[in-house]
């Protein structure tokens, strides 16, 4: 099992700690959590990039768009999320 160390501000740590059920691990709490985030599809990323660059009055860089398109394709093949019993 691979382990990552993260830093949390105290209020975030306390919120996470309070969400634990019994002797449940922090990893289990995070796996149970539902976060409000849009889908990371090429289309949604393109829309966000376009909005960010339009606000500055210049077009999005082709390299940035190509990078996100490649990342989306790789995510379809190699998932970056560890398996979780909560998804069953």
C-alpha atoms as a PDB file:
ATOM      1  CA  UNK A   1       0.000   0.000   0.000  1.00  0.00           C
ATOM      2  CA  UNK A   2       1.322   3.429  -0.952  1.00  0.00           C
ATOM      3  CA  UNK A   3       0.961   6.162   1.658  1.00  0.00           C
ATOM      4  CA  UNK A   4       0.944   9.941   1.054  1.00  0.00           C
ATOM      5  CA  UNK A   5       1.435  12.548   3.752  1.00  0.00           C
ATOM      6  CA  UNK A   6      -0.710  15.680   3.481  1.00  0.00           C
ATOM      7  CA  UNK A   7      -0.948  18.906   5.456  1.00  0.00           C
ATOM      8  CA  UNK A   8      -4.296  20.228   6.646  1.00  0.00           C
ATOM      9  CA  UNK A   9      -5.219  23.423   8.397  1.00  0.00           C
ATOM     10  CA  UNK A  10      -6.558  22.770  11.881  1.00  0.00           C
ATOM     11  CA  UNK A  11     -10.215  23.426  11.025  1.00  0.00           C
ATOM     12  CA  UNK A  12     -10.067  20.969   8.094  1.00  0.00           C
ATOM     13  CA  UNK A  13      -8.378  18.325  10.280  1.00  0.00           C
ATOM     14  CA  UNK A  14     -11.052  18.711  12.980  1.00  0.00           C
ATOM     15  CA  UNK A  15     -13.826  18.392  10.395  1.00  0.00           C
ATOM     16  CA  UNK A  16     -12.224  15.211   9.062  1.00  0.00           C
ATOM     17  CA  UNK A  17     -11.668  13.838  12.583  1.00  0.00           C
ATOM     18  CA  UNK A  18     -15.313  14.459  13.532  1.00  0.00           C
ATOM     19  CA  UNK A  19     -16.445  12.574  10.417  1.00  0.00           C
ATOM     20  CA  UNK A  20     -14.724   9.370  11.581  1.00  0.00           C
ATOM     21  CA  UNK A  21     -16.965   6.512  12.676  1.00  0.00           C
ATOM     22  CA  UNK A  22     -15.445   4.576  15.538  1.00  0.00           C
ATOM     23  CA  UNK A  23     -11.966   3.341  14.638  1.00  0.00           C
ATOM     24  CA  UNK A  24     -12.405   4.189  10.957  1.00  0.00           C
ATOM     25  CA  UNK A  25      -9.257   5.424   9.212  1.00  0.00           C
ATOM     26  CA  UNK A  26      -8.932   8.881   7.659  1.00  0.00           C
ATOM     27  CA  UNK A  27      -8.597   7.146   4.284  1.00  0.00           C
ATOM     28  CA  UNK A  28     -11.989   5.509   4.789  1.00  0.00           C
ATOM     29  CA  UNK A  29     -13.536   8.869   5.726  1.00  0.00           C
ATOM     30  CA  UNK A  30     -12.157  10.499   2.573  1.00  0.00           C
ATOM     31  CA  UNK A  31     -13.362   7.598   0.414  1.00  0.00           C
ATOM     32  CA  UNK A  32     -16.852   8.030   1.897  1.00  0.00           C
ATOM     33  CA  UNK A  33     -16.855  11.775   1.242  1.00  0.00           C
ATOM     34  CA  UNK A  34     -18.701  13.311  -1.677  1.00  0.00           C
ATOM     35  CA  UNK A  35     -17.114  16.397  -3.172  1.00  0.00           C
ATOM     36  CA  UNK A  36     -18.879  18.916  -5.376  1.00  0.00           C
ATOM     37  CA  UNK A  37     -16.768  18.910  -8.487  1.00  0.00           C
ATOM     38  CA  UNK A  38     -17.600  18.818 -12.132  1.00  0.00           C
ATOM     39  CA  UNK A  39     -16.541  16.038 -14.400  1.00  0.00           C
ATOM     40  CA  UNK A  40     -12.947  16.259 -15.575  1.00  0.00           C
ATOM     41  CA  UNK A  41     -13.722  15.745 -19.210  1.00  0.00           C
ATOM     42  CA  UNK A  42     -11.883  17.374 -22.054  1.00  0.00           C
ATOM     43  CA  UNK A  43     -14.986  19.444 -22.811  1.00  0.00           C
ATOM     44  CA  UNK A  44     -15.385  20.722 -19.248  1.00  0.00           C
ATOM     45  CA  UNK A  45     -11.690  21.544 -18.952  1.00  0.00           C
ATOM     46  CA  UNK A  46     -11.751  23.288 -22.329  1.00  0.00           C
ATOM     47  CA  UNK A  47     -14.730  25.355 -21.177  1.00  0.00           C
ATOM     48  CA  UNK A  48     -12.906  26.395 -17.968  1.00  0.00           C
ATOM     49  CA  UNK A  49      -9.715  27.234 -19.865  1.00  0.00           C
ATOM     50  CA  UNK A  50     -11.649  29.239 -22.431  1.00  0.00           C
ATOM     51  CA  UNK A  51     -13.436  31.203 -19.693  1.00  0.00           C
ATOM     52  CA  UNK A  52     -10.162  31.879 -17.859  1.00  0.00           C
ATOM     53  CA  UNK A  53      -8.338  33.048 -20.981  1.00  0.00           C
ATOM     54  CA  UNK A  54     -11.311  35.016 -22.352  1.00  0.00           C
ATOM     55  CA  UNK A  55     -11.381  36.958 -19.083  1.00  0.00           C
ATOM     56  CA  UNK A  56      -7.775  37.996 -19.803  1.00  0.00           C
ATOM     57  CA  UNK A  57      -8.562  38.764 -23.433  1.00  0.00           C
ATOM     58  CA  UNK A  58      -6.276  36.169 -24.999  1.00  0.00           C
ATOM     59  CA  UNK A  59      -6.822  32.658 -26.408  1.00  0.00           C
ATOM     60  CA  UNK A  60      -5.956  29.496 -24.503  1.00  0.00           C
ATOM     61  CA  UNK A  61      -2.542  28.039 -25.313  1.00  0.00           C
ATOM     62  CA  UNK A  62      -2.682  25.046 -27.658  1.00  0.00           C
ATOM     63  CA  UNK A  63      -0.151  23.233 -25.431  1.00  0.00           C
ATOM     64  CA  UNK A  64      -2.511  23.517 -22.449  1.00  0.00           C
ATOM     65  CA  UNK A  65      -5.451  22.177 -24.429  1.00  0.00           C
ATOM     66  CA  UNK A  66      -3.367  19.303 -25.811  1.00  0.00           C
ATOM     67  CA  UNK A  67      -2.130  18.439 -22.300  1.00  0.00           C
ATOM     68  CA  UNK A  68      -5.673  18.171 -20.882  1.00  0.00           C
ATOM     69  CA  UNK A  69      -6.892  16.184 -23.857  1.00  0.00           C
ATOM     70  CA  UNK A  70      -4.037  13.697 -23.333  1.00  0.00           C
ATOM     71  CA  UNK A  71      -4.714  13.551 -19.558  1.00  0.00           C
ATOM     72  CA  UNK A  72      -8.380  12.744 -20.152  1.00  0.00           C
ATOM     73  CA  UNK A  73      -7.477   9.889 -22.508  1.00  0.00           C
ATOM     74  CA  UNK A  74      -4.947   8.477 -20.013  1.00  0.00           C
ATOM     75  CA  UNK A  75      -7.513   8.625 -17.188  1.00  0.00           C
ATOM     76  CA  UNK A  76      -9.834   6.380 -19.172  1.00  0.00           C
ATOM     77  CA  UNK A  77      -7.109   3.725 -19.294  1.00  0.00           C
ATOM     78  CA  UNK A  78      -5.272   4.215 -15.956  1.00  0.00           C
ATOM     79  CA  UNK A  79      -7.540   5.248 -13.116  1.00  0.00           C
ATOM     80  CA  UNK A  80      -5.779   7.319 -10.433  1.00  0.00           C
ATOM     81  CA  UNK A  81      -8.139   6.431  -7.611  1.00  0.00           C
ATOM     82  CA  UNK A  82      -7.463   3.539  -5.246  1.00  0.00           C
ATOM     83  CA  UNK A  83     -10.189   0.893  -5.058  1.00  0.00           C
ATOM     84  CA  UNK A  84     -12.725   1.498  -2.319  1.00  0.00           C
ATOM     85  CA  UNK A  85     -15.248  -0.834  -0.705  1.00  0.00           C
ATOM     86  CA  UNK A  86     -17.660   2.143  -0.593  1.00  0.00           C
ATOM     87  CA  UNK A  87     -18.072   2.117  -4.376  1.00  0.00           C
ATOM     88  CA  UNK A  88     -19.498  -1.406  -4.439  1.00  0.00           C
END
